[in-house]
Amino acid sequence: MLLTKVDTRSLGETLEAQNTLIKLGIPVCNAFIRTYKAHERAALEGVAITQWRGKNAKEAESDYRRVAEELQRDWRK
């Protein structure tokens, strides 16, 4: 499971949710996707977050890269 639309002001709640899922035996990614206006603005401009430049663009892109790296590590196992 991948947690998305994570409020950057409530990261503690996100970690708590991840721990609860793990305790319930539900596989969950360590990485997650935070919510940024950058996502909306990139979509409105019709570009991927990796191509958009503006406030929080690098942070938004890095979230997706962390997820991709985690998935690739898991596939290699």
Protein backbone atom coordinates (compact mmCIF):
# COMPACT_ATOMS: atom_id res chain seq x y z
CA MET A 1 0.00 0.00 0.00
CA LEU A 2 1.21 3.48 -0.80
CA LEU A 3 0.06 6.44 1.26
CA THR A 4 -0.65 9.49 -0.90
CA LYS A 5 -1.94 13.01 -0.36
CA VAL A 6 0.01 13.14 2.89
CA ASP A 7 -0.34 16.49 4.67
CA THR A 8 3.16 17.83 5.25
CA ARG A 9 1.99 19.28 8.56
CA SER A 10 0.93 15.86 9.86
CA LEU A 11 3.85 13.54 9.15
CA GLY A 12 3.48 11.99 12.62
CA GLU A 13 0.01 10.77 11.67
CA THR A 14 1.41 9.27 8.50
CA LEU A 15 4.04 7.32 10.40
CA GLU A 16 1.37 6.18 12.85
CA ALA A 17 -0.81 4.97 9.96
CA GLN A 18 2.12 3.09 8.43
CA ASN A 19 2.87 1.39 11.77
CA THR A 20 -0.79 0.42 12.20
CA LEU A 21 -0.88 -1.13 8.73
CA ILE A 22 2.31 -3.07 9.46
CA LYS A 23 0.84 -4.37 12.75
CA LEU A 24 -2.23 -5.52 10.82
CA GLY A 25 -0.01 -7.42 8.39
CA ILE A 26 -0.78 -5.13 5.47
CA PRO A 27 2.26 -4.43 3.28
CA VAL A 28 2.95 -0.70 3.13
CA CYS A 29 5.65 1.33 1.43
CA ASN A 30 8.07 3.22 3.65
CA ALA A 31 7.98 6.08 1.15
CA PHE A 32 4.87 8.20 0.70
CA ILE A 33 3.62 11.02 -1.51
CA ARG A 34 3.11 14.37 0.17
CA THR A 35 0.52 16.86 -1.09
CA TYR A 36 1.91 19.98 -2.72
CA LYS A 37 0.37 22.70 -4.84
CA ALA A 38 3.11 21.74 -7.30
CA HIS A 39 1.10 18.63 -8.23
CA GLU A 40 -1.94 20.73 -9.14
CA ARG A 41 0.06 23.32 -11.01
CA ALA A 42 2.00 20.76 -13.02
CA ALA A 43 -1.25 19.04 -13.99
CA LEU A 44 -2.83 22.35 -15.00
CA GLU A 45 0.17 23.06 -17.22
CA GLY A 46 -0.02 19.54 -18.65
CA VAL A 47 3.45 18.48 -17.55
CA ALA A 48 4.79 15.76 -15.28
CA ILE A 49 6.00 16.82 -11.85
CA THR A 50 9.52 15.94 -13.02
CA GLN A 51 9.26 18.66 -15.69
CA TRP A 52 7.52 21.36 -13.66
CA ARG A 53 9.63 24.09 -12.08
CA GLY A 54 8.40 26.08 -9.15
CA LYS A 55 7.93 26.01 -5.39
CA ASN A 56 8.20 22.48 -3.93
CA ALA A 57 8.78 20.93 -7.36
CA LYS A 58 11.96 19.19 -6.20
CA GLU A 59 10.31 17.86 -3.03
CA ALA A 60 7.31 16.56 -4.97
CA GLU A 61 9.56 14.89 -7.53
CA SER A 62 11.74 13.34 -4.82
CA ASP A 63 8.68 11.68 -3.23
CA TYR A 64 7.95 9.83 -6.47
CA ARG A 65 11.61 8.92 -6.91
CA ARG A 66 11.74 7.43 -3.38
CA VAL A 67 8.67 5.33 -4.13
CA ALA A 68 10.16 4.14 -7.44
CA GLU A 69 13.47 3.25 -5.76
CA GLU A 70 11.67 1.32 -3.02
CA LEU A 71 9.62 -0.63 -5.55
CA GLN A 72 12.71 -1.46 -7.58
CA ARG A 73 14.51 -2.73 -4.46
CA ASP A 74 11.52 -4.93 -3.58
CA TRP A 75 11.30 -6.36 -7.13
CA ARG A 76 14.96 -7.35 -7.02
CA LYS A 77 14.45 -9.51 -3.93
